[in-house]
N, C-alpha and C. Protein backbone atom coordinates (compact mmCIF):
# COMPACT_ATOMS: atom_id res chain seq x y z
N MET A 1 44.43 56.91 112.77
CA MET A 1 43.79 55.76 113.51
C MET A 1 43.83 55.76 114.95
N THR A 2 44.61 56.44 115.51
CA THR A 2 44.71 56.61 117.03
C THR A 2 43.31 57.26 117.40
N ARG A 3 42.79 58.40 116.90
CA ARG A 3 41.88 58.95 117.09
C ARG A 3 40.59 58.29 117.01
N LEU A 4 40.49 57.39 116.02
CA LEU A 4 39.44 56.41 116.05
C LEU A 4 39.40 55.22 116.90
N ASP A 5 40.38 55.10 117.54
CA ASP A 5 40.70 53.86 118.23
C ASP A 5 40.82 52.63 117.64
N LEU A 6 41.42 52.70 116.31
CA LEU A 6 41.52 51.55 115.44
C LEU A 6 42.98 51.28 115.42
N PRO A 7 43.41 49.86 115.35
CA PRO A 7 44.73 49.50 115.32
C PRO A 7 45.54 50.24 114.16
N LEU A 8 46.77 50.48 114.36
CA LEU A 8 47.70 51.11 113.34
C LEU A 8 47.75 50.14 112.05
N SER A 9 47.47 49.11 112.16
CA SER A 9 47.62 48.17 111.13
C SER A 9 46.47 48.44 110.01
N THR A 10 45.45 49.11 110.39
CA THR A 10 44.41 49.70 109.59
C THR A 10 44.96 50.31 108.51
N SER A 11 45.86 51.31 108.82
CA SER A 11 46.34 52.24 107.85
C SER A 11 46.96 51.51 106.79
N ALA A 12 47.53 50.36 106.79
CA ALA A 12 48.09 49.50 105.75
C ALA A 12 46.72 49.23 104.78
N GLN A 13 45.64 48.86 105.57
CA GLN A 13 44.47 48.53 104.68
C GLN A 13 43.96 49.56 103.81
N VAL A 14 44.15 50.88 104.35
CA VAL A 14 43.49 52.02 103.72
C VAL A 14 44.52 52.32 102.64
N VAL A 15 45.74 52.26 102.75
CA VAL A 15 46.70 52.53 101.62
C VAL A 15 46.49 51.52 100.73
N ALA A 16 45.97 50.28 100.98
CA ALA A 16 45.82 49.29 99.91
C ALA A 16 44.62 49.48 98.97
N VAL A 17 43.52 50.00 99.71
CA VAL A 17 42.43 50.60 99.02
C VAL A 17 42.92 51.63 97.92
N GLN A 18 43.62 52.50 98.48
CA GLN A 18 44.14 53.67 97.71
C GLN A 18 45.01 53.17 96.47
N ARG A 19 45.78 52.17 96.86
CA ARG A 19 46.63 51.56 95.64
C ARG A 19 45.89 50.84 94.61
N GLU A 20 44.79 50.37 95.00
CA GLU A 20 43.92 49.61 94.14
C GLU A 20 43.09 50.50 93.21
N ILE A 21 42.45 51.72 93.82
CA ILE A 21 41.69 52.54 93.20
C ILE A 21 42.41 53.64 92.35
N GLN A 22 43.43 54.07 92.76
CA GLN A 22 44.31 55.19 91.95
C GLN A 22 44.60 54.75 90.52
N PRO A 23 45.09 53.56 90.26
CA PRO A 23 45.29 53.18 89.01
C PRO A 23 43.90 53.27 88.00
N ARG A 24 43.03 52.86 88.62
CA ARG A 24 41.70 52.85 87.90
C ARG A 24 41.26 54.19 87.63
N ILE A 25 41.39 55.10 88.71
CA ILE A 25 41.06 56.57 88.30
C ILE A 25 41.96 57.08 87.07
N ALA A 26 43.11 56.78 87.13
CA ALA A 26 44.19 57.18 86.06
C ALA A 26 43.61 56.60 84.73
N ALA A 27 43.30 55.35 84.69
CA ALA A 27 42.88 54.75 83.52
C ALA A 27 41.66 55.33 82.85
N VAL A 28 40.56 55.69 83.86
CA VAL A 28 39.37 56.52 83.31
C VAL A 28 39.98 57.81 82.83
N ARG A 29 40.69 58.41 83.47
CA ARG A 29 41.03 59.95 83.12
C ARG A 29 41.79 59.98 81.82
N ASN A 30 42.63 58.88 81.41
CA ASN A 30 43.35 58.83 80.45
C ASN A 30 42.71 58.20 79.12
N ASP A 31 41.68 57.60 79.37
CA ASP A 31 40.87 56.82 78.20
C ASP A 31 40.19 57.97 77.34
N ARG A 32 40.82 58.46 76.33
CA ARG A 32 40.32 59.43 75.38
C ARG A 32 39.12 58.75 74.64
N GLN A 33 38.92 57.52 74.72
CA GLN A 33 37.60 57.15 74.02
C GLN A 33 36.62 57.29 74.64
N LEU A 34 36.62 57.56 76.03
CA LEU A 34 35.35 57.82 76.85
C LEU A 34 34.83 59.21 76.80
N SER A 35 33.67 59.23 76.56
CA SER A 35 33.03 60.98 76.57
C SER A 35 32.93 61.23 77.83
N PRO A 36 32.99 62.62 78.14
CA PRO A 36 33.06 63.28 79.42
C PRO A 36 32.03 62.49 80.38
N GLU A 37 30.99 62.19 79.74
CA GLU A 37 29.85 61.86 80.55
C GLU A 37 30.02 60.27 81.20
N VAL A 38 30.52 59.75 80.29
CA VAL A 38 30.67 57.91 80.64
C VAL A 38 31.96 58.27 81.73
N ALA A 39 32.91 58.90 81.47
CA ALA A 39 34.19 59.10 82.41
C ALA A 39 33.61 59.63 83.78
N ALA A 40 32.69 60.50 83.84
CA ALA A 40 32.17 61.04 84.97
C ALA A 40 31.30 60.00 85.85
N THR A 41 30.62 59.17 84.98
CA THR A 41 29.87 58.06 85.57
C THR A 41 30.92 56.88 86.20
N GLN A 42 31.84 56.75 85.53
CA GLN A 42 32.92 55.66 86.12
C GLN A 42 33.52 56.45 87.42
N LEU A 43 33.90 57.61 87.26
CA LEU A 43 34.56 58.20 88.49
C LEU A 43 33.54 58.08 89.68
N VAL A 44 32.42 58.40 89.54
CA VAL A 44 31.45 58.46 90.56
C VAL A 44 31.34 56.95 91.06
N ALA A 45 31.33 55.95 90.16
CA ALA A 45 31.23 54.46 90.67
C ALA A 45 32.64 54.23 91.49
N LEU A 46 33.70 54.60 90.96
CA LEU A 46 35.02 54.48 91.64
C LEU A 46 34.96 55.03 93.16
N ALA A 47 34.23 56.28 93.08
CA ALA A 47 34.29 56.96 94.31
C ALA A 47 33.34 56.24 95.42
N GLN A 48 32.33 55.80 94.87
CA GLN A 48 31.41 54.86 95.69
C GLN A 48 32.18 53.49 96.16
N GLU A 49 32.73 52.88 95.34
CA GLU A 49 33.36 51.69 95.60
C GLU A 49 34.45 52.16 96.73
N ALA A 50 35.35 53.12 96.55
CA ALA A 50 36.46 53.61 97.61
C ALA A 50 35.83 53.83 98.93
N THR A 51 34.75 54.67 98.76
CA THR A 51 34.07 55.14 100.11
C THR A 51 33.33 53.77 100.80
N THR A 52 32.87 52.87 100.16
CA THR A 52 32.44 51.73 100.70
C THR A 52 33.31 50.83 101.31
N LYS A 53 34.50 50.62 100.64
CA LYS A 53 35.62 49.86 101.18
C LYS A 53 36.18 50.69 102.42
N LEU A 54 36.30 51.90 102.52
CA LEU A 54 36.96 52.69 103.28
C LEU A 54 36.08 52.68 104.51
N THR A 55 34.85 52.82 104.39
CA THR A 55 33.84 52.86 105.60
C THR A 55 33.83 51.56 106.23
N ALA A 56 33.90 50.44 105.46
CA ALA A 56 34.10 48.94 106.17
C ALA A 56 35.36 48.97 107.01
N LEU A 57 36.32 49.79 106.68
CA LEU A 57 37.42 49.65 107.44
C LEU A 57 37.63 50.72 108.60
N ILE A 58 37.17 51.82 108.35
CA ILE A 58 37.25 52.99 109.37
C ILE A 58 36.15 53.73 109.81
N GLY A 59 35.01 53.21 109.23
CA GLY A 59 33.69 53.68 109.64
C GLY A 59 33.37 55.15 109.03
N VAL A 60 32.31 55.70 109.01
CA VAL A 60 31.74 56.95 108.30
C VAL A 60 32.61 58.10 109.15
N ARG A 61 32.66 58.27 110.21
CA ARG A 61 33.57 59.34 110.75
C ARG A 61 34.99 59.20 110.51
N GLY A 62 35.61 58.06 110.46
CA GLY A 62 36.86 57.81 109.85
C GLY A 62 37.03 58.20 108.41
N VAL A 63 36.11 58.00 107.54
CA VAL A 63 36.12 58.23 106.17
C VAL A 63 36.05 59.87 105.94
N GLU A 64 35.28 60.51 106.84
CA GLU A 64 35.29 61.93 106.68
C GLU A 64 36.64 62.48 107.13
N GLY A 65 37.03 62.17 108.14
CA GLY A 65 38.47 62.67 108.60
C GLY A 65 39.41 62.36 107.71
N TYR A 66 39.50 61.23 107.28
CA TYR A 66 40.49 60.71 106.06
C TYR A 66 40.28 61.69 104.89
N ARG A 67 39.05 61.97 104.50
CA ARG A 67 39.19 63.03 103.29
C ARG A 67 39.83 64.29 103.70
N GLN A 68 39.56 64.73 104.84
CA GLN A 68 40.10 66.10 105.11
C GLN A 68 41.69 66.01 105.47
N TYR A 69 42.14 64.85 106.15
CA TYR A 69 43.50 64.88 106.36
C TYR A 69 44.56 63.93 105.75
N GLY A 70 44.03 63.54 104.52
CA GLY A 70 45.03 62.71 103.81
C GLY A 70 44.63 61.92 102.81
N GLY A 71 43.16 62.17 102.54
CA GLY A 71 42.56 61.51 101.35
C GLY A 71 42.35 62.41 100.10
N GLY A 72 43.46 63.09 99.72
CA GLY A 72 43.37 63.90 98.60
C GLY A 72 42.78 63.29 97.26
N TRP A 73 43.28 61.96 97.35
CA TRP A 73 42.91 61.18 96.08
C TRP A 73 41.52 60.92 96.02
N LEU A 74 40.87 60.95 97.01
CA LEU A 74 39.26 60.88 96.90
C LEU A 74 38.80 62.17 96.30
N GLN A 75 39.42 63.21 96.62
CA GLN A 75 38.79 64.36 96.05
C GLN A 75 39.19 64.65 94.52
N GLN A 76 40.04 63.75 93.91
CA GLN A 76 40.29 63.74 92.59
C GLN A 76 39.01 63.03 91.81
N LEU A 77 38.20 62.18 92.59
CA LEU A 77 37.14 61.64 92.08
C LEU A 77 35.99 62.67 91.87
N GLN A 78 36.24 63.70 92.61
CA GLN A 78 35.18 64.81 92.34
C GLN A 78 35.27 65.63 91.22
N GLN A 79 36.75 65.83 90.90
CA GLN A 79 37.06 66.70 89.77
C GLN A 79 36.67 66.28 88.30
N PRO A 80 36.26 67.09 87.65
CA PRO A 80 36.07 66.73 86.13
C PRO A 80 37.30 66.55 85.46
N ARG A 81 37.33 65.72 84.34
CA ARG A 81 38.50 65.22 83.58
C ARG A 81 38.96 66.50 83.05
N PRO A 82 40.28 66.58 82.64
CA PRO A 82 40.86 67.91 82.17
C PRO A 82 40.32 67.95 80.86
N ALA A 83 40.29 69.21 80.38
CA ALA A 83 39.65 69.53 78.88
C ALA A 83 40.38 68.86 77.79
N ASN A 84 41.67 68.71 77.99
CA ASN A 84 42.66 68.07 76.97
C ASN A 84 42.36 66.65 76.80
N ALA A 85 41.68 66.01 77.76
CA ALA A 85 41.32 64.60 77.72
C ALA A 85 39.94 64.21 77.21
N LYS A 86 39.37 64.99 76.69
CA LYS A 86 37.92 64.84 75.81
C LYS A 86 37.96 63.71 74.88
N ALA A 87 37.03 62.95 74.74
CA ALA A 87 36.75 61.82 73.82
C ALA A 87 37.26 62.44 72.35
N LYS A 88 38.05 61.55 71.54
CA LYS A 88 38.10 62.05 70.11
C LYS A 88 37.03 62.21 69.34
N GLY A 89 37.05 63.15 68.56
CA GLY A 89 35.91 63.15 67.47
C GLY A 89 34.66 64.09 68.11
N ARG A 90 34.99 64.57 69.20
CA ARG A 90 33.78 65.24 69.86
C ARG A 90 33.86 66.55 69.89
């Protein structure tokens, strides 16, 4: 936050976004009823939502830096669902 000249209180807001989105990521990844395509679509939507919220807080430059230096959970949204999590009966 210091590099971006943002108040340190902004970090709490960034963490709040993470805490809001991460359980939803887990829910999509663990829902065995979803086809891989539907799961991927939902993860893309979550990535867009997270990016929009974070950009409003810390700006585009901030989001890029955050992805590199602490936003590993955002990278999870780019990874496919594990093979053992495929939809039942497919």
